[in-house]
Protein backbone atom coordinates (compact mmCIF):
# COMPACT_ATOMS: atom_id res chain seq x y z
CA MET A 1 195.11 132.07 131.43
CA ARG A 2 198.44 132.60 133.18
CA VAL A 3 198.28 134.90 136.20
CA MET A 4 201.20 136.30 138.18
CA PHE A 5 200.63 137.66 141.68
CA VAL A 6 203.26 140.21 142.73
CA VAL A 7 203.22 140.46 146.52
CA PRO A 8 205.19 141.89 149.46
CA PRO A 9 206.55 139.71 152.28
CA PHE A 10 203.53 140.21 154.56
CA ALA A 11 201.13 137.36 155.39
CA GLY A 12 197.99 139.49 155.26
CA HIS A 13 198.83 140.50 151.69
CA VAL A 14 199.75 137.01 150.50
CA ASN A 15 196.91 134.95 152.04
CA PRO A 16 194.08 136.33 149.83
CA THR A 17 196.07 135.62 146.68
CA VAL A 18 196.36 131.96 147.71
CA ALA A 19 192.57 131.71 147.81
CA VAL A 20 192.18 133.46 144.46
CA ALA A 21 194.85 131.24 142.90
CA ALA A 22 192.91 128.16 144.06
CA ALA A 23 189.72 129.55 142.50
CA LEU A 24 191.60 130.21 139.26
CA ALA A 25 192.96 126.65 139.26
CA GLU A 26 189.42 125.27 139.58
CA ARG A 27 188.58 127.23 136.42
CA GLY A 28 191.51 125.71 134.56
CA HIS A 29 193.94 128.60 134.87
CA GLU A 30 197.51 128.76 136.16
CA ALA A 31 198.83 131.09 138.86
CA VAL A 32 202.34 131.85 140.08
CA TRP A 33 203.80 134.32 142.54
CA CYS A 34 206.60 136.85 142.38
CA GLY A 35 208.11 138.43 145.47
CA PRO A 36 210.80 138.18 148.16
CA PRO A 37 211.87 134.59 148.90
CA GLU A 38 210.46 134.61 152.45
CA ILE A 39 206.91 134.43 151.13
CA LEU A 40 207.48 130.82 150.05
CA ASP A 41 206.49 129.64 153.54
CA LEU A 42 203.09 131.32 153.05
CA LEU A 43 202.34 129.58 149.75
CA PRO A 44 200.74 126.17 149.23
CA LEU A 45 202.93 123.14 148.66
CA GLY A 46 204.13 123.03 145.10
CA ALA A 47 203.47 126.70 144.39
CA ARG A 48 205.81 128.34 141.91
CA LEU A 49 207.62 131.44 143.13
CA PHE A 50 209.74 133.77 141.04
CA ALA A 51 211.92 135.20 143.79
CA THR A 52 213.00 138.82 143.68
CA ALA A 53 215.90 140.34 145.63
CA ASP A 54 215.79 139.40 149.30
CA SER A 55 214.96 142.67 151.04
CA PRO A 56 215.56 146.42 150.85
CA GLY A 57 217.89 148.36 153.04
CA ALA A 58 220.42 145.66 153.95
CA PRO A 59 221.78 144.79 156.45
CA GLY A 60 218.86 143.55 158.48
CA GLY A 61 216.25 143.84 155.74
CA TYR A 62 212.61 143.84 156.78
CA ALA A 63 213.41 142.92 160.38
CA ARG A 64 215.48 146.10 160.76
CA LEU A 65 212.80 148.19 159.08
CA HIS A 66 210.08 146.71 161.27
CA ALA A 67 212.04 147.40 164.46
CA ARG A 68 212.21 151.09 163.50
CA TRP A 69 208.61 151.24 162.27
CA GLN A 70 207.24 149.82 165.55
CA ARG A 71 208.22 152.98 167.41
CA LEU A 72 206.40 155.34 165.05
CA ARG A 73 202.83 156.64 165.02
CA GLY A 74 200.65 158.88 162.85
CA VAL A 75 202.29 160.89 160.08
CA GLY A 76 205.74 159.65 161.07
CA ALA A 77 204.65 156.05 160.50
CA LEU A 78 203.12 156.95 157.13
CA ARG A 79 206.25 158.75 155.94
CA PHE A 80 208.38 155.82 157.05
CA LEU A 81 206.09 153.32 155.29
CA VAL A 82 206.31 155.19 151.98
CA GLU A 83 209.89 156.51 152.02
CA GLU A 84 211.70 153.72 153.88
CA THR A 85 209.67 150.67 152.92
CA LEU A 86 207.40 150.86 149.86
CA VAL A 87 209.60 152.95 147.55
CA PRO A 88 212.80 151.00 148.38
CA LEU A 89 210.80 147.78 148.01
CA ALA A 90 209.78 148.90 144.53
CA HIS A 91 213.38 149.58 143.52
CA THR A 92 214.59 146.29 145.03
CA MET A 93 211.89 144.16 143.41
CA LEU A 94 211.90 145.81 139.99
CA PRO A 95 214.68 143.75 138.29
CA GLY A 96 213.31 140.47 139.62
CA VAL A 97 209.75 141.26 138.60
CA ALA A 98 210.89 142.33 135.14
CA ALA A 99 212.84 139.09 134.70
CA ALA A 100 209.90 137.02 135.97
CA VAL A 101 207.44 138.67 133.60
CA ALA A 102 209.80 138.28 130.66
CA GLY A 103 210.41 134.62 131.47
CA TYR A 104 206.88 133.53 132.43
CA ARG A 105 204.93 135.81 130.07
CA PRO A 106 201.74 136.09 132.15
CA ASP A 107 198.45 137.09 130.60
CA VAL A 108 197.58 139.13 133.69
CA VAL A 109 199.65 140.64 136.51
CA VAL A 110 197.92 141.10 139.87
CA ALA A 111 199.97 143.63 141.83
CA ASP A 112 199.44 144.20 145.53
CA GLN A 113 198.95 147.86 146.46
CA GLN A 114 202.25 147.77 148.33
CA THR A 115 204.31 146.23 145.53
CA PHE A 116 204.63 149.09 143.08
CA ALA A 117 207.08 147.09 140.96
CA GLY A 118 204.32 144.76 139.75
CA ALA A 119 202.30 147.61 138.29
CA PHE A 120 205.34 149.37 136.83
CA VAL A 121 206.60 146.26 135.03
CA ALA A 122 203.14 145.39 133.69
CA VAL A 123 202.65 148.91 132.31
CA LYS A 124 206.07 148.89 130.68
CA ALA A 125 205.46 145.43 129.18
CA GLY A 126 201.96 146.28 127.98
CA ILE A 127 200.37 143.48 130.03
CA PRO A 128 196.91 143.88 131.61
CA TRP A 129 197.22 144.37 135.34
CA ALA A 130 194.90 144.40 138.31
CA THR A 131 195.32 145.76 141.83
CA SER A 132 195.05 143.52 144.88
CA ALA A 133 193.84 145.73 147.75
CA THR A 134 194.05 143.78 151.00
CA THR A 135 192.98 146.76 153.07
CA SER A 136 190.17 149.19 152.36
CA ALA A 137 191.97 152.21 153.84
CA GLU A 138 192.92 153.71 150.47
CA PHE A 139 189.26 153.83 149.42
CA THR A 140 188.13 156.12 152.24
CA ARG A 141 190.31 159.08 151.13
CA PRO A 142 192.28 159.02 154.41
CA LEU A 143 194.42 162.05 153.52
CA VAL A 144 191.63 164.30 152.25
CA GLY A 145 192.09 166.62 155.22
CA PHE A 146 195.87 166.65 154.89
CA PRO A 147 196.62 168.00 151.38
CA LYS A 148 200.33 168.56 152.00
CA ILE A 149 200.83 164.98 153.17
CA ASP A 150 198.75 163.70 150.26
CA ASP A 151 200.88 165.70 147.81
CA TRP A 152 204.04 164.36 149.42
CA VAL A 153 202.88 160.74 149.05
CA ARG A 154 201.86 161.27 145.44
CA THR A 155 205.20 162.93 144.65
CA ARG A 156 207.20 160.03 146.11
CA ILE A 157 205.14 157.54 144.10
CA ALA A 158 205.49 159.60 140.91
CA GLU A 159 209.27 159.72 141.41
CA ALA A 160 209.32 155.93 141.79
CA ALA A 161 207.30 155.57 138.59
CA VAL A 162 209.67 157.76 136.58
CA ALA A 163 212.65 155.86 137.98
CA ALA A 164 211.02 152.65 136.78
CA GLY A 165 210.60 154.07 133.28
CA VAL A 166 206.83 154.61 133.28
CA PRO A 167 204.82 157.86 133.20
CA ALA A 168 204.71 159.88 136.42
CA ASP A 169 200.91 159.70 136.48
CA CYS A 170 200.98 155.89 136.74
CA ASP A 171 199.65 155.28 140.26
CA PRO A 172 200.57 151.67 141.13
CA ARG A 173 198.00 151.60 143.91
CA PHE A 174 195.03 151.72 141.52
CA SER A 175 194.80 149.82 138.26
CA PRO A 176 192.67 151.70 135.71
CA ARG A 177 191.14 148.39 134.59
CA LEU A 178 190.48 146.30 137.74
CA VAL A 179 190.88 146.86 141.46
CA LEU A 180 190.08 143.85 143.63
CA VAL A 181 189.07 145.07 147.10
CA PHE A 182 188.93 142.33 149.73
CA SER A 183 186.15 144.04 151.65
CA THR A 184 182.56 145.15 151.05
CA PRO A 185 180.88 148.57 150.73
CA GLU A 186 178.82 147.68 153.82
CA LEU A 187 181.98 147.50 155.94
CA VAL A 188 183.85 150.34 154.28
CA GLY A 189 180.82 152.60 154.62
CA LEU A 190 181.07 154.09 151.14
CA THR A 191 179.03 157.18 150.38
CA ASP A 192 180.28 157.90 146.85
CA PRO A 193 179.36 155.70 143.85
CA VAL A 194 181.72 152.74 143.36
CA PRO A 195 183.71 152.93 140.08
CA ALA A 196 182.78 150.12 137.72
CA HIS A 197 186.31 148.70 137.75
CA HIS A 198 186.43 148.55 141.57
CA CYS A 199 185.27 145.06 142.52
CA TYR A 200 184.46 144.53 146.22
CA VAL A 201 184.78 140.77 146.57
CA GLY A 202 184.89 140.49 150.37
CA PRO A 203 187.60 138.53 152.16
CA ALA A 204 189.20 135.56 150.43
CA PHE A 205 190.27 132.72 152.69
CA GLY A 206 192.61 130.10 151.35
CA ARG A 207 194.08 126.98 152.82
CA ARG A 208 197.04 127.69 155.03
CA PRO A 209 199.92 125.43 156.00
CA ALA A 210 198.94 123.45 159.11
CA THR A 211 202.07 124.34 161.06
CA VAL A 212 200.53 125.52 164.34
CA ASP A 213 199.66 123.07 167.11
CA PHE A 214 196.81 124.00 169.45
CA PRO A 215 195.57 122.31 172.65
CA TRP A 216 191.93 122.01 171.63
CA ASP A 217 191.15 119.92 174.71
CA ARG A 218 191.91 122.93 176.91
CA LEU A 219 189.00 124.98 175.52
CA ASP A 220 186.39 125.03 178.29
CA PRO A 221 182.95 124.22 176.79
CA ASP A 222 181.22 125.89 179.76
CA ARG A 223 182.79 129.31 179.16
CA ARG A 224 182.64 131.79 176.30
CA HIS A 225 185.82 132.30 174.33
CA VAL A 226 187.61 135.53 173.44
CA LEU A 227 190.68 135.67 171.20
CA VAL A 228 193.20 138.46 171.82
CA SER A 229 195.54 139.03 168.88
CA LEU A 230 197.71 141.92 167.72
CA GLY A 231 198.72 140.11 164.54
CA THR A 232 202.16 138.94 163.53
CA LEU A 233 203.88 142.31 163.12
CA ASN A 234 202.57 144.03 166.26
CA ARG A 235 202.81 141.35 168.92
CA GLU A 236 205.94 142.83 170.51
CA ALA A 237 204.12 146.14 171.04
CA GLY A 238 201.67 144.53 173.45
CA ASP A 239 203.85 144.41 176.56
CA ARG A 240 201.40 146.68 178.42
CA PHE A 241 198.25 145.78 176.53
CA TYR A 242 198.30 142.02 177.13
CA PRO A 243 198.54 142.21 180.96
CA ALA A 244 195.81 144.85 180.95
CA VAL A 245 193.48 142.51 179.05
CA VAL A 246 194.28 139.68 181.45
CA ALA A 247 193.50 141.89 184.44
CA ALA A 248 190.35 143.24 182.79
CA THR A 249 188.94 139.79 182.18
CA ARG A 250 189.88 138.28 185.56
CA PRO A 251 186.50 139.16 187.16
CA LEU A 252 184.82 137.48 184.17
CA ALA A 253 186.78 134.24 184.60
CA ASP A 254 183.78 132.22 185.73
CA ARG A 255 182.18 132.65 182.29
CA VAL A 256 184.98 133.75 179.93
CA GLN A 257 188.12 132.01 178.71
CA VAL A 258 190.72 134.16 176.96
CA ILE A 259 192.97 132.78 174.22
CA LEU A 260 195.94 135.13 174.15
CA ALA A 261 198.00 134.97 170.95
CA ALA A 262 201.25 136.42 172.30
CA PRO A 263 204.72 135.49 173.49
CA GLU A 264 204.38 134.10 177.00
CA ARG A 265 207.01 136.51 178.33
CA LEU A 266 204.72 139.43 177.47
CA ALA A 267 201.51 137.97 178.88
CA GLY A 268 202.14 138.97 182.50
CA ALA A 269 201.36 136.82 185.51
CA PRO A 270 199.69 133.48 184.70
CA ALA A 271 195.92 133.41 185.07
CA GLU A 272 193.65 130.36 185.20
CA HIS A 273 191.20 131.76 182.66
CA VAL A 274 193.88 132.63 180.07
CA LEU A 275 195.35 130.22 177.53
CA VAL A 276 198.58 131.72 176.17
CA ARG A 277 199.92 130.56 172.81
CA GLU A 278 202.46 132.48 170.79
CA PHE A 279 200.74 131.43 167.57
CA VAL A 280 197.24 130.10 166.99
CA PRO A 281 195.52 128.49 163.96
CA GLN A 282 193.26 131.51 163.64
CA LEU A 283 190.90 130.37 160.90
CA ALA A 284 190.37 127.01 162.59
CA LEU A 285 189.83 128.70 165.96
CA LEU A 286 187.29 131.32 164.88
CA PRO A 287 184.24 129.00 164.84
CA HIS A 288 184.88 128.31 168.54
CA LEU A 289 184.93 131.99 169.56
CA ASP A 290 182.39 134.52 170.81
CA ALA A 291 184.42 137.74 170.33
CA VAL A 292 187.83 138.97 169.20
CA VAL A 293 190.10 141.68 170.67
CA THR A 294 192.43 142.99 167.96
CA HIS A 295 194.60 145.90 166.84
CA GLY A 296 192.37 146.37 163.79
CA GLY A 297 194.48 144.63 161.18
CA HIS A 298 192.33 144.20 158.09
CA ASN A 299 193.00 140.47 157.84
CA THR A 300 191.98 139.65 161.42
CA VAL A 301 188.99 142.00 161.30
CA CYS A 302 187.59 140.45 158.13
CA GLU A 303 188.20 136.91 159.32
CA ALA A 304 186.38 137.60 162.59
CA LEU A 305 183.46 139.32 160.88
CA ALA A 306 183.19 136.47 158.37
CA PHE A 307 182.18 134.37 161.37
CA GLY A 308 179.85 137.05 162.74
CA LEU A 309 182.07 137.82 165.73
CA PRO A 310 181.87 141.24 167.43
CA LEU A 311 185.19 143.02 167.86
CA VAL A 312 187.07 145.06 170.42
CA LEU A 313 189.48 147.24 168.44
CA ALA A 314 192.67 148.80 169.79
CA PRO A 315 194.31 150.34 166.70
CA ILE A 316 198.02 151.13 166.80
CA ARG A 317 199.06 152.75 163.48
CA ASP A 318 198.76 152.89 159.69
CA ASP A 319 195.37 151.75 158.36
CA GLN A 320 194.26 150.29 161.69
CA PRO A 321 192.43 153.42 162.98
CA ILE A 322 190.60 153.63 159.65
CA VAL A 323 189.55 149.97 159.78
CA ALA A 324 188.51 150.35 163.43
CA ARG A 325 186.38 153.36 162.53
CA GLN A 326 184.69 151.35 159.78
CA VAL A 327 183.84 148.49 162.15
CA VAL A 328 182.42 150.81 164.80
CA ALA A 329 180.38 152.72 162.20
CA ALA A 330 179.02 149.40 160.93
CA GLY A 331 177.83 148.60 164.46
CA ALA A 332 180.02 145.50 164.71
CA GLY A 333 182.49 146.49 167.42
CA VAL A 334 183.76 148.92 170.04
CA ARG A 335 187.03 150.82 170.10
CA VAL A 336 189.48 151.28 172.97
CA ARG A 337 192.77 153.13 173.25
CA PHE A 338 195.81 150.95 172.66
CA GLY A 339 198.51 153.00 174.36
CA ARG A 340 196.36 154.11 177.29
CA ALA A 341 193.86 151.28 177.60
CA HIS A 342 192.75 151.09 181.25
CA VAL A 343 191.48 147.91 182.86
CA PRO A 344 187.90 149.19 183.45
CA GLU A 345 187.67 150.39 179.83
CA LEU A 346 188.85 147.03 178.51
CA ARG A 347 186.51 145.10 180.80
CA ALA A 348 183.54 147.16 179.64
CA ALA A 349 184.51 146.71 175.99
CA VAL A 350 184.88 142.93 176.26
CA THR A 351 181.59 142.69 178.14
CA ASP A 352 179.88 144.76 175.43
CA ALA A 353 181.29 142.57 172.67
CA LEU A 354 179.99 139.47 174.41
CA ASP A 355 176.63 140.71 175.66
CA ARG A 356 175.29 143.53 173.45
CA PRO A 357 172.91 142.02 170.88
CA GLU A 358 173.22 145.02 168.56
CA LEU A 359 176.94 144.37 168.12
CA ARG A 360 176.30 140.76 167.23
CA ALA A 361 173.60 141.92 164.81
CA GLY A 362 176.05 144.37 163.22
CA ALA A 363 178.65 141.63 162.82
CA ALA A 364 175.99 139.38 161.28
CA ARG A 365 175.14 142.07 158.71
CA ILE A 366 178.77 142.33 157.65
CA ARG A 367 179.03 138.54 157.54
CA ALA A 368 176.07 138.46 155.15
CA SER A 369 177.66 141.12 152.94
CA PHE A 370 180.85 139.05 152.77
CA ALA A 371 178.93 135.94 151.72
CA ALA A 372 177.08 137.86 149.01
CA ALA A 373 180.29 139.41 147.63
CA GLY A 374 181.65 136.09 146.43
CA GLY A 375 185.21 136.15 147.78
CA ALA A 376 187.89 134.32 145.80
CA ASP A 377 185.44 133.03 143.18
CA ALA A 378 184.25 136.57 142.40
CA ALA A 379 187.87 137.75 142.12
CA ALA A 380 188.74 134.90 139.75
CA GLU A 381 185.72 135.67 137.58
CA ARG A 382 186.69 139.33 137.26
CA LEU A 383 190.26 138.38 136.38
CA GLU A 384 188.97 136.15 133.58
CA LYS A 385 187.19 139.14 132.08
CA LEU A 386 190.40 141.19 132.13
CA CYS A 387 191.97 139.21 129.29
């Protein structure tokens, strides 16, 4: 079987496909990727990439878009994501995806929910296609209370479909045959029956390039360890949040060591109990941790919960409030305000994450659900059945 993953240039959307591709290879299948050229650095050595056009909205590409997106919240951020990022990305990628499919002739296309072009090309070519859903936000009906916004999103997607030459009712976010959701019903908190073609496989962790050095000898074995990370795309937004976390944890310094994944210039005044690194080898670090403070990015949340780590969640935008709500409802974390997080609130939240047994029990329940879901192997098995 020949599988083509069509992905956007975002690490959290590419990483699960690397794990699934490895599982497919173990079963004797072949996998390639199609997407903007910058994703090559996220792929394993020797991976084959069919590169699409560089980026939408030149000059500046994704960097320019991200700089504008960082300032937005709520509905404004959603409109920007759809109208300024996802729809232009679909138009930009479409010719490259079409050429890649014609040249490679995959048996199955796996299209990320944010790369509409993958679904559109597969439909037009008559090739079976599956959805790769790297966040569970779309499965909680987030816009059910906002019908006008929901209609606006659906209209923009329908317009993109027609422009790509497929029927307007082709929703590229949801394959009618297979949707791979890298989460579990236990975390999402589903109340409605799960459609038979929605496969909750849990997180899929693949090998990542070992490009990040870390001073392992500086981890204090006599203190508990807390990672603070706002992910790759949001780190610049933490200029107030990082110093607040440092101040909040200062009274805990005799028993807590903080690993702060942030640019040093944003970390505030140096503190003895804080180890600042702009980038950390997150998967390798997680077994050494006791809790994680995060913006609620789906990737970081699932990785932490896969190790049974309680979370402090400070969501910023997009799907992050939804993911944070899921974690809190599952009893695996506490939520704080990102923009107005006060030192006492943060200190109480970190203390809870470290000391409340019910939070650790909640994280352990989610960890068990992840293990039972099957991860990359389960995804590979379902893809085999698609042909």
